[in-house]
Amino acid sequence: MFARITSALLMAASLATAYPAAASLGNIEVVHEFDGPMPTGVTVSAKGRIFVNFPRWGDDVRFTVGEIRDGKVVAYPSQQLNTYDPARPAQTLSSVQSVVVDALDRLWILDPAAPNFQTRIDGAAKLVAVDLNTNQVVKTIVIPAGVALDSTYLNDVRFDLRVGKAGVAYITDSSLSGPGGIIVVDLASGNSWRKLTGHASTSVDPAFVPFVEGQRLAQRAPGKAPAPFGVASDGIALSADGKTLFYSPLSSRHLFSVPSSLLIDPSANDAAVAQAVQDLGEKGASDGMEADDKGRLYASDYEHNAIHQRLPDGRWNTLATDPRMLWPDTLSIGPDGYLYFTANQLHRQAGFHDGKDLRTKPYVLFRVRIDAGPVLLK
């Protein structure tokens, strides 16, 4: 008996030697740890200021946009703006999903107006621009009904300030019930329109079954059978020349692209836009996406705690992987040659685990060096 046990132990030791534990790849650095609500978005200004946001998904969120100052997160630009007032839906923030600094060093705040993923609050879905020199709101663009549908969830945004009089914004609609799509906003007039609504490239892949930390990712409520978790178009990035928009549904492993020239024309034929979409193959299951000024694309991989890099010739590399990267969410490139990203354990929320919140604080803001800058189109 003891001989059999000894033999088994020796075999286990041999296998451990033959199959070492997976190693981390890429030198990720901790920038900040969050002991409060979970963050999603992050962005870095030209002067190195770091902004983050906290959607109102059930955590105790005192302010939905903040700036990291001296190791602490404070309400930005003010607590007053962060205190939602139903009587002033366009002038106050309800539940912010994304923050992005543009090429003029303005902070744009994307408010889906859907706390807890409820039906969109009428008149509250908006883009808000803050002048980082004065810390004052300088523009608010409300996305009207018909563009922001009742089911719409505004997710992420990219800017090209060279288009038209003041530029355009591209926003993903990551609806949980459909349809997904791309929303384009003229920043001068405030007019907005939808493209690729319900197209396969902006929709949940019906064959997609995600696994995170060894478990199928599904909505799980006490006493009910697991239900598929389907999220439409989510990650988004604009090429260094502004000619190509990259995007992907969260519930898919495929990367898609479309010429931006077909999106910025409100009258462009829908069939022509759809025909121009390219399926660029698999890249992993992503939440965040970003592009750099050297023509490379970055995509998170929430199934494998990783971030991958697509080279200009279409080849993929793994930039970083680490067991601490639990659900890498938003990606943002700073002026210091680093790619910043949040890891917020989204998949451990109670809604995926029979009402039990399995998240363990702190949530983390990481960065990894890429020796490139952000795409700045102005």
Protein backbone atom coordinates (compact mmCIF):
# COMPACT_ATOMS: atom_id res chain seq x y z
CA MET A 1 0.00 0.00 0.00
CA PHE A 2 2.74 2.44 1.02
CA ALA A 3 4.64 1.50 -2.12
CA ARG A 4 1.60 2.41 -4.22
CA ILE A 5 1.26 5.77 -2.42
CA THR A 6 4.96 6.49 -2.85
CA SER A 7 4.72 5.59 -6.52
CA ALA A 8 1.71 7.89 -6.96
CA LEU A 9 3.50 10.76 -5.26
CA LEU A 10 6.56 10.27 -7.45
CA MET A 11 4.34 10.24 -10.55
CA ALA A 12 2.60 13.45 -9.42
CA ALA A 13 5.95 15.10 -8.84
CA SER A 14 7.09 13.98 -12.28
CA LEU A 15 3.96 15.38 -13.91
CA ALA A 16 4.39 18.68 -12.04
CA THR A 17 7.88 18.90 -13.47
CA ALA A 18 6.69 18.05 -16.97
CA TYR A 19 3.71 20.42 -16.82
CA PRO A 20 4.70 23.53 -14.87
CA ALA A 21 2.07 26.02 -13.72
CA ALA A 22 1.12 28.61 -16.29
CA ALA A 23 3.32 31.68 -16.04
CA SER A 24 2.27 35.30 -16.27
CA LEU A 25 3.21 37.10 -19.45
CA GLY A 26 3.92 40.83 -19.68
CA ASN A 27 4.96 43.11 -16.87
CA ILE A 28 1.66 44.53 -15.66
CA GLU A 29 1.86 47.24 -13.03
CA VAL A 30 -0.73 48.17 -10.41
CA VAL A 31 -1.75 51.83 -10.81
CA HIS A 32 -4.59 51.98 -8.29
CA GLU A 33 -6.71 49.68 -6.13
CA PHE A 34 -10.43 50.36 -5.60
CA ASP A 35 -12.08 49.44 -2.30
CA GLY A 36 -15.47 50.93 -3.22
CA PRO A 37 -17.76 50.25 -6.19
CA MET A 38 -16.49 48.41 -9.25
CA PRO A 39 -15.05 50.56 -12.05
CA THR A 40 -15.50 50.00 -15.77
CA GLY A 41 -13.95 52.86 -17.77
CA VAL A 42 -10.56 54.55 -17.57
CA THR A 43 -8.88 57.26 -19.61
CA VAL A 44 -5.67 59.29 -19.33
CA SER A 45 -5.27 62.94 -20.34
CA ALA A 46 -2.36 64.53 -22.18
CA LYS A 47 -1.04 65.76 -18.82
CA GLY A 48 -1.32 62.33 -17.24
CA ARG A 49 -4.52 62.86 -15.27
CA ILE A 50 -6.42 59.60 -14.78
CA PHE A 51 -10.22 59.45 -14.85
CA VAL A 52 -12.43 56.46 -14.06
CA ASN A 53 -16.13 55.74 -13.86
CA PHE A 54 -18.42 53.57 -11.79
CA PRO A 55 -21.78 52.54 -13.32
CA ARG A 56 -24.72 52.29 -11.00
CA TRP A 57 -25.25 48.53 -11.27
CA GLY A 58 -26.17 47.90 -7.64
CA ASP A 59 -23.04 48.96 -5.74
CA ASP A 60 -23.15 52.00 -3.48
CA VAL A 61 -22.02 54.60 -6.03
CA ARG A 62 -21.70 58.08 -4.54
CA PHE A 63 -20.24 59.51 -7.75
CA THR A 64 -20.26 57.84 -11.15
CA VAL A 65 -17.21 59.71 -12.57
CA GLY A 66 -14.02 60.28 -10.62
CA GLU A 67 -10.42 61.40 -10.92
CA ILE A 68 -7.53 59.65 -9.19
CA ARG A 69 -5.68 62.30 -7.18
CA ASP A 70 -2.95 61.64 -4.63
CA GLY A 71 -3.92 58.00 -4.38
CA LYS A 72 -7.64 58.66 -3.87
CA VAL A 73 -10.64 58.84 -6.21
CA VAL A 74 -12.66 62.05 -5.99
CA ALA A 75 -15.86 63.10 -7.75
CA TYR A 76 -15.24 64.74 -11.13
CA PRO A 77 -15.89 67.41 -12.23
CA SER A 78 -18.13 67.91 -9.18
CA GLN A 79 -20.34 66.00 -6.81
CA GLN A 80 -23.27 68.11 -8.01
CA LEU A 81 -22.97 66.80 -11.58
CA ASN A 82 -22.64 63.26 -10.21
CA THR A 83 -25.88 63.51 -8.20
CA TYR A 84 -28.63 62.49 -10.58
CA ASP A 85 -31.73 64.71 -10.57
CA PRO A 86 -34.77 63.26 -12.40
CA ALA A 87 -35.98 66.83 -12.95
CA ARG A 88 -32.73 67.60 -14.81
CA PRO A 89 -31.89 64.40 -16.73
CA ALA A 90 -29.67 66.12 -19.31
CA GLN A 91 -27.75 68.16 -16.74
CA THR A 92 -26.88 65.43 -14.22
CA LEU A 93 -25.25 62.00 -14.55
CA SER A 94 -27.35 58.89 -14.02
CA SER A 95 -24.98 55.93 -14.54
CA VAL A 96 -21.81 56.44 -16.57
CA GLN A 97 -20.38 53.54 -18.57
CA SER A 98 -17.36 55.13 -20.25
CA VAL A 99 -14.98 58.10 -20.09
CA VAL A 100 -12.66 59.05 -22.96
CA VAL A 101 -10.22 61.95 -23.42
CA ASP A 102 -10.18 63.26 -27.01
CA ALA A 103 -7.43 64.80 -29.14
CA LEU A 104 -8.17 68.29 -27.75
CA ASP A 105 -7.70 66.96 -24.21
CA ARG A 106 -11.38 67.18 -23.32
CA LEU A 107 -12.98 64.53 -21.16
CA TRP A 108 -16.06 63.00 -22.74
CA ILE A 109 -18.50 61.24 -20.42
CA LEU A 110 -20.86 58.62 -21.89
CA ASP A 111 -24.05 58.20 -19.85
CA PRO A 112 -26.30 55.34 -21.08
CA ALA A 113 -29.01 56.45 -18.62
CA ALA A 114 -29.80 52.84 -17.72
CA PRO A 115 -28.95 52.21 -14.05
CA ASN A 116 -29.04 48.47 -13.31
CA PHE A 117 -29.65 47.97 -17.05
CA GLN A 118 -33.21 49.18 -16.71
CA THR A 119 -35.08 50.74 -19.64
CA ARG A 120 -33.27 53.87 -20.76
CA ILE A 121 -34.33 57.01 -18.87
CA ASP A 122 -35.95 59.34 -21.39
CA GLY A 123 -33.83 62.42 -22.09
CA ALA A 124 -30.87 61.27 -20.01
CA ALA A 125 -28.76 59.29 -22.52
CA LYS A 126 -25.97 61.66 -23.45
CA LEU A 127 -22.39 62.64 -24.20
CA VAL A 128 -20.94 65.29 -21.89
CA ALA A 129 -17.67 67.14 -22.62
CA VAL A 130 -15.58 68.65 -19.84
CA ASP A 131 -12.77 71.16 -20.48
CA LEU A 132 -9.83 69.81 -18.48
CA ASN A 133 -8.29 73.27 -18.20
CA THR A 134 -11.31 74.76 -16.45
CA ASN A 135 -12.94 71.53 -15.18
CA GLN A 136 -16.25 72.84 -16.52
CA VAL A 137 -18.85 71.19 -18.75
CA VAL A 138 -18.63 72.77 -22.20
CA LYS A 139 -21.00 70.61 -24.25
CA THR A 140 -23.87 68.18 -23.67
CA ILE A 141 -25.36 66.13 -26.47
CA VAL A 142 -28.51 64.17 -25.69
CA ILE A 143 -29.02 61.03 -27.79
CA PRO A 144 -32.71 61.13 -28.69
CA ALA A 145 -35.28 58.35 -28.70
CA GLY A 146 -35.19 56.62 -32.06
CA VAL A 147 -31.40 56.61 -31.94
CA ALA A 148 -31.09 55.56 -28.31
CA LEU A 149 -33.81 52.93 -28.32
CA ASP A 150 -35.61 51.78 -25.18
CA SER A 151 -33.30 48.75 -25.22
CA THR A 152 -30.13 50.72 -25.99
CA TYR A 153 -27.12 50.57 -23.69
CA LEU A 154 -24.47 53.07 -24.77
CA ASN A 155 -21.17 51.34 -24.04
CA ASP A 156 -17.97 52.83 -25.44
CA VAL A 157 -16.99 55.73 -27.68
CA ARG A 158 -14.20 56.90 -30.01
CA PHE A 159 -13.65 60.29 -31.67
CA ASP A 160 -12.42 61.70 -34.98
CA LEU A 161 -12.31 65.49 -34.69
CA ARG A 162 -11.33 65.98 -38.36
CA VAL A 163 -14.78 65.11 -39.69
CA GLY A 164 -17.24 67.93 -40.38
CA LYS A 165 -17.09 71.16 -38.39
CA ALA A 166 -16.21 69.70 -34.98
CA GLY A 167 -15.78 65.96 -35.44
CA VAL A 168 -17.81 62.83 -34.89
CA ALA A 169 -18.20 60.25 -32.15
CA TYR A 170 -18.75 56.53 -32.73
CA ILE A 171 -20.64 54.70 -29.97
CA THR A 172 -21.45 51.02 -29.56
CA ASP A 173 -24.97 50.01 -28.54
CA SER A 174 -24.42 46.90 -26.40
CA SER A 175 -28.05 46.11 -25.78
CA LEU A 176 -28.77 43.02 -23.68
CA SER A 177 -32.00 42.34 -25.55
CA GLY A 178 -31.14 43.67 -29.02
CA PRO A 179 -30.74 45.16 -31.43
CA GLY A 180 -27.08 46.17 -31.25
CA GLY A 181 -25.58 48.76 -33.56
CA ILE A 182 -23.21 51.67 -34.06
CA ILE A 183 -24.38 55.19 -33.22
CA VAL A 184 -22.69 58.15 -34.89
CA VAL A 185 -22.88 61.64 -33.40
CA ASP A 186 -22.05 64.91 -35.18
CA LEU A 187 -20.37 66.92 -32.43
CA ALA A 188 -21.14 70.30 -34.01
CA SER A 189 -24.87 69.92 -34.61
CA GLY A 190 -25.57 67.24 -32.02
CA ASN A 191 -27.39 65.20 -34.64
CA SER A 192 -27.02 61.43 -34.33
CA TRP A 193 -27.97 58.33 -36.31
CA ARG A 194 -27.72 54.54 -36.20
CA LYS A 195 -25.82 52.19 -38.50
CA LEU A 196 -25.66 48.38 -38.65
CA THR A 197 -28.69 48.07 -36.38
CA GLY A 198 -29.34 44.38 -35.84
CA HIS A 199 -26.56 43.35 -38.23
CA ALA A 200 -24.87 40.04 -37.42
CA SER A 201 -21.62 41.87 -36.66
CA THR A 202 -23.24 44.00 -33.94
CA SER A 203 -25.35 41.17 -32.54
CA VAL A 204 -24.85 38.31 -30.11
CA ASP A 205 -23.26 35.27 -31.76
CA PRO A 206 -25.91 32.57 -31.21
CA ALA A 207 -23.23 29.85 -31.09
CA PHE A 208 -21.12 31.66 -28.49
CA VAL A 209 -20.73 29.94 -25.10
CA PRO A 210 -18.30 31.77 -22.78
CA PHE A 211 -16.35 30.17 -19.93
CA VAL A 212 -14.69 32.27 -17.24
CA GLU A 213 -12.73 30.84 -14.31
CA GLY A 214 -13.79 27.36 -15.39
CA GLN A 215 -17.53 28.06 -15.36
CA ARG A 216 -19.96 28.83 -18.13
CA LEU A 217 -20.88 32.51 -17.91
CA ALA A 218 -24.66 32.63 -17.62
CA GLN A 219 -27.33 34.53 -15.74
CA ARG A 220 -28.16 32.54 -12.63
CA ALA A 221 -31.02 33.44 -10.32
CA PRO A 222 -31.96 31.35 -7.27
CA GLY A 223 -34.33 28.55 -8.19
CA LYS A 224 -34.06 29.17 -11.94
CA ALA A 225 -32.17 27.43 -14.72
CA PRO A 226 -29.11 29.27 -16.08
CA ALA A 227 -30.00 31.69 -18.88
CA PRO A 228 -27.64 32.80 -21.66
CA PHE A 229 -25.90 36.13 -21.08
CA GLY A 230 -25.94 37.94 -24.41
CA VAL A 231 -24.43 41.38 -24.98
CA ALA A 232 -24.31 43.04 -28.41
CA SER A 233 -21.64 45.36 -29.90
CA ASP A 234 -19.30 46.46 -27.14
CA GLY A 235 -15.56 46.98 -27.73
CA ILE A 236 -14.65 49.67 -30.26
CA ALA A 237 -11.48 51.20 -31.70
CA LEU A 238 -10.61 53.61 -34.50
CA SER A 239 -7.60 52.98 -36.73
CA ALA A 240 -4.65 55.37 -36.59
CA ASP A 241 -5.71 56.97 -39.90
CA GLY A 242 -9.38 57.12 -38.91
CA LYS A 243 -10.46 55.16 -41.96
CA THR A 244 -11.52 51.96 -40.21
CA LEU A 245 -13.74 51.32 -37.23
CA PHE A 246 -13.11 48.05 -35.38
CA TYR A 247 -15.72 46.57 -33.06
CA SER A 248 -16.99 43.36 -31.53
CA PRO A 249 -20.00 42.11 -29.61
CA LEU A 250 -19.14 41.14 -26.05
CA SER A 251 -20.87 37.82 -26.75
CA SER A 252 -18.61 36.82 -29.62
CA ARG A 253 -14.96 36.03 -30.26
CA HIS A 254 -14.88 37.68 -33.68
CA LEU A 255 -13.40 41.02 -34.67
CA PHE A 256 -15.27 43.10 -37.25
CA SER A 257 -14.42 46.25 -39.18
CA VAL A 258 -16.20 48.73 -41.42
CA PRO A 259 -15.00 51.82 -43.33
CA SER A 260 -15.77 54.89 -41.24
CA SER A 261 -16.68 56.84 -44.40
CA LEU A 262 -19.85 54.76 -44.67
CA LEU A 263 -20.81 55.46 -41.08
CA ILE A 264 -20.42 59.24 -41.10
CA ASP A 265 -22.85 59.66 -43.99
CA PRO A 266 -26.38 59.59 -42.50
CA SER A 267 -27.84 58.85 -45.91
CA ALA A 268 -25.51 55.95 -46.78
CA ASN A 269 -27.45 52.94 -47.97
CA ASP A 270 -27.82 50.38 -45.18
CA ALA A 271 -27.19 47.49 -47.55
CA ALA A 272 -23.96 49.09 -48.77
CA VAL A 273 -22.76 49.59 -45.21
CA ALA A 274 -23.59 45.99 -44.32
CA GLN A 275 -21.83 44.69 -47.43
CA ALA A 276 -18.65 46.57 -46.46
CA VAL A 277 -18.37 44.88 -43.05
CA GLN A 278 -15.43 42.52 -42.75
CA ASP A 279 -15.16 39.58 -40.37
CA LEU A 280 -11.47 39.61 -39.40
CA GLY A 281 -11.60 36.29 -37.61
CA GLU A 282 -11.30 35.28 -33.99
CA LYS A 283 -9.49 37.32 -31.34
CA GLY A 284 -10.88 35.92 -28.09
CA ALA A 285 -13.89 37.12 -26.13
CA SER A 286 -13.41 40.83 -25.49
CA ASP A 287 -14.88 43.59 -23.43
CA GLY A 288 -12.43 46.44 -24.05
CA MET A 289 -10.68 47.34 -27.29
CA GLU A 290 -8.22 50.07 -28.31
CA ALA A 291 -5.81 51.08 -31.10
CA ASP A 292 -2.44 52.83 -30.96
CA ASP A 293 -0.70 55.35 -33.22
CA LYS A 294 1.51 52.61 -34.72
CA GLY A 295 -1.40 50.80 -36.37
CA ARG A 296 -1.78 48.08 -33.75
CA LEU A 297 -5.02 46.93 -32.14
CA TYR A 298 -5.55 45.69 -28.58
CA ALA A 299 -8.36 43.47 -27.31
CA SER A 300 -9.02 42.12 -23.84
CA ASP A 301 -9.77 38.42 -23.38
CA TYR A 302 -12.00 37.93 -20.35
CA GLU A 303 -12.01 34.14 -20.68
CA HIS A 304 -8.23 33.92 -20.26
CA ASN A 305 -7.29 36.95 -18.10
CA ALA A 306 -5.38 38.39 -21.04
CA ILE A 307 -4.87 41.23 -23.48
CA HIS A 308 -3.92 40.48 -27.09
CA GLN A 309 -2.25 42.72 -29.66
CA ARG A 310 -3.04 42.65 -33.38
CA LEU A 311 -0.19 43.77 -35.62
CA PRO A 312 -0.78 45.82 -38.79
CA ASP A 313 -0.37 42.65 -40.89
CA GLY A 314 -3.19 40.94 -39.00
CA ARG A 315 -1.09 38.65 -36.79
CA TRP A 316 -2.00 38.39 -33.11
CA ASN A 317 0.33 38.34 -30.10
CA THR A 318 -0.52 38.01 -26.41
CA LEU A 319 0.61 41.22 -24.74
CA ALA A 320 -0.18 40.24 -21.16
CA THR A 321 -1.83 37.51 -19.16
CA ASP A 322 -2.00 37.24 -15.39
CA PRO A 323 -4.37 35.56 -12.90
CA ARG A 324 -4.95 38.98 -11.34
CA MET A 325 -6.51 40.24 -14.58
CA LEU A 326 -9.99 39.11 -13.61
CA TRP A 327 -12.26 40.46 -16.35
CA PRO A 328 -10.06 43.05 -18.07
CA ASP A 329 -12.59 45.69 -19.07
CA THR A 330 -11.84 49.08 -20.65
CA LEU A 331 -8.52 49.67 -22.44
CA SER A 332 -6.99 53.15 -22.73
CA ILE A 333 -3.60 54.33 -24.00
CA GLY A 334 -1.90 57.13 -22.12
CA PRO A 335 0.64 59.67 -23.38
CA ASP A 336 3.34 57.83 -21.41
CA GLY A 337 3.48 54.77 -23.68
CA TYR A 338 1.37 52.56 -21.41
CA LEU A 339 -1.88 50.72 -22.01
CA TYR A 340 -4.15 51.17 -18.98
CA PHE A 341 -6.97 48.76 -18.14
CA THR A 342 -9.41 47.98 -15.35
CA ALA A 343 -9.91 44.49 -13.92
CA ASN A 344 -13.27 44.52 -12.17
CA GLN A 345 -14.40 40.89 -11.68
CA LEU A 346 -17.61 41.58 -13.59
CA HIS A 347 -18.28 37.84 -13.98
CA ARG A 348 -18.34 37.35 -10.20
CA GLN A 349 -21.39 39.57 -9.67
CA ALA A 350 -24.39 38.10 -7.88
CA GLY A 351 -26.47 37.86 -11.06
CA PHE A 352 -24.14 35.16 -12.38
CA HIS A 353 -24.00 33.15 -9.13
CA ASP A 354 -27.50 32.50 -7.78
CA GLY A 355 -27.61 35.83 -5.96
CA LYS A 356 -24.20 35.45 -4.28
CA ASP A 357 -21.70 38.25 -4.85
CA LEU A 358 -18.33 36.52 -5.25
CA ARG A 359 -16.28 39.64 -5.97
CA THR A 360 -13.35 40.28 -3.65
CA LYS A 361 -11.97 43.78 -3.27
CA PRO A 362 -9.90 45.53 -4.28
CA TYR A 363 -10.65 45.97 -7.95
CA VAL A 364 -7.55 47.06 -9.82
CA LEU A 365 -6.36 49.54 -12.43
CA PHE A 366 -3.33 48.09 -14.21
CA ARG A 367 -1.02 49.27 -16.95
CA VAL A 368 1.47 47.59 -19.30
CA ARG A 369 4.08 49.29 -21.47
CA ILE A 370 3.46 49.27 -25.22
CA ASP A 371 5.80 52.10 -26.34
CA ALA A 372 3.11 53.78 -28.43
CA GLY A 373 0.66 56.62 -28.07
CA PRO A 374 -3.11 56.96 -28.41
CA VAL A 375 -4.91 57.59 -31.68
CA LEU A 376 -5.46 61.37 -31.76
CA LEU A 377 -7.40 62.57 -34.81
CA LYS A 378 -7.76 66.35 -34.95
